[in-house]
Protein backbone atom coordinates (compact mmCIF):
# COMPACT_ATOMS: atom_id res chain seq x y z
CA UNK A 1 93.26 73.64 98.08
CA UNK A 2 90.95 75.92 100.03
CA UNK A 3 88.46 74.62 102.56
CA UNK A 4 84.82 75.67 102.58
CA UNK A 5 85.38 76.41 106.27
CA UNK A 6 88.03 79.01 105.42
CA UNK A 7 86.71 82.58 105.32
CA UNK A 8 88.63 83.07 102.07
CA UNK A 9 86.49 80.44 100.38
CA UNK A 10 83.99 83.14 99.40
CA UNK A 11 86.67 84.82 97.26
CA UNK A 12 87.40 81.50 95.56
CA UNK A 13 83.69 80.87 94.99
CA UNK A 14 83.08 84.28 93.45
CA UNK A 15 86.24 83.99 91.35
CA UNK A 16 85.27 80.63 89.89
CA UNK A 17 81.76 81.85 89.13
CA UNK A 18 83.10 85.07 87.60
CA UNK A 19 85.30 83.04 85.26
CA UNK A 20 82.34 80.82 84.30
CA UNK A 21 80.00 83.75 83.69
CA UNK A 22 82.61 85.74 81.75
CA UNK A 23 83.29 82.80 79.46
CA UNK A 24 79.56 82.15 78.98
CA UNK A 25 79.24 85.76 77.85
CA UNK A 26 82.11 85.23 75.40
CA UNK A 27 84.35 87.84 77.01
CA UNK A 28 88.08 87.84 77.59
CA UNK A 29 89.53 89.16 80.82
CA UNK A 30 90.66 92.27 78.94
CA UNK A 31 87.18 92.87 77.53
CA UNK A 32 85.62 92.50 80.98
CA UNK A 33 88.19 94.89 82.38
CA UNK A 34 87.34 97.45 79.72
CA UNK A 35 83.57 97.37 80.27
CA UNK A 36 83.89 97.30 84.06
CA UNK A 37 86.65 99.96 84.22
CA UNK A 38 88.75 97.65 86.42
CA UNK A 39 92.26 96.83 85.28
CA UNK A 40 92.87 93.61 83.40
CA UNK A 41 95.42 92.72 86.10
CA UNK A 42 92.72 93.02 88.76
CA UNK A 43 90.34 90.75 86.81
CA UNK A 44 93.19 88.32 86.18
CA UNK A 45 94.10 88.28 89.88
CA UNK A 46 90.49 87.69 90.93
CA UNK A 47 90.21 84.68 88.62
CA UNK A 48 93.65 83.30 89.51
CA UNK A 49 93.85 79.97 91.35
CA UNK A 50 97.35 80.81 92.53
CA UNK A 51 96.75 84.25 94.00
CA UNK A 52 94.12 85.37 96.51
CA UNK A 53 92.77 88.72 95.36
CA UNK A 54 90.35 90.25 97.81
CA UNK A 55 87.60 92.57 96.61
CA UNK A 56 84.57 94.33 97.96
CA UNK A 57 80.92 93.43 97.75
CA UNK A 58 80.60 96.58 95.66
CA UNK A 59 82.99 95.04 93.14
CA UNK A 60 80.79 91.94 92.90
CA UNK A 61 77.73 94.16 92.44
CA UNK A 62 79.44 96.14 89.66
CA UNK A 63 80.57 92.97 87.88
CA UNK A 64 77.03 91.61 88.09
CA UNK A 65 75.74 94.84 86.56
CA UNK A 66 78.18 94.91 83.64
CA UNK A 67 77.72 91.18 82.98
CA UNK A 68 73.94 91.57 83.25
CA UNK A 69 73.49 88.74 85.76
CA UNK A 70 71.85 88.49 89.16
CA UNK A 71 74.48 89.02 91.87
CA UNK A 72 73.46 85.66 93.38
CA UNK A 73 75.07 83.96 90.36
CA UNK A 74 78.46 84.69 91.93
CA UNK A 75 77.56 82.63 95.00
CA UNK A 76 76.25 79.51 93.25
CA UNK A 77 77.96 76.43 94.73
CA UNK A 78 80.58 74.96 92.47
CA UNK A 79 81.40 71.34 91.89
CA UNK A 80 85.05 71.11 92.74
CA UNK A 81 87.45 69.15 94.90
CA UNK A 82 86.94 71.38 97.93
CA UNK A 83 86.97 70.08 101.48
């Protein structure tokens, strides 16, 4: 479990919101990879709860663009068992 006080929490937050947004758009990880030109492994690693995949703010911007959402959607607080 990752703490909100941990600097890596932002990666977890973005990852959970990415998964939510992707599913709301009806896309698989492979489909998102194809339209974003990132590898499916990279998308899978970002969304993984077992692996911490770091990424740039530019990556978040690009994902927001291809998913047609405001970049702030990736930073919406999530309801989870986080300390």
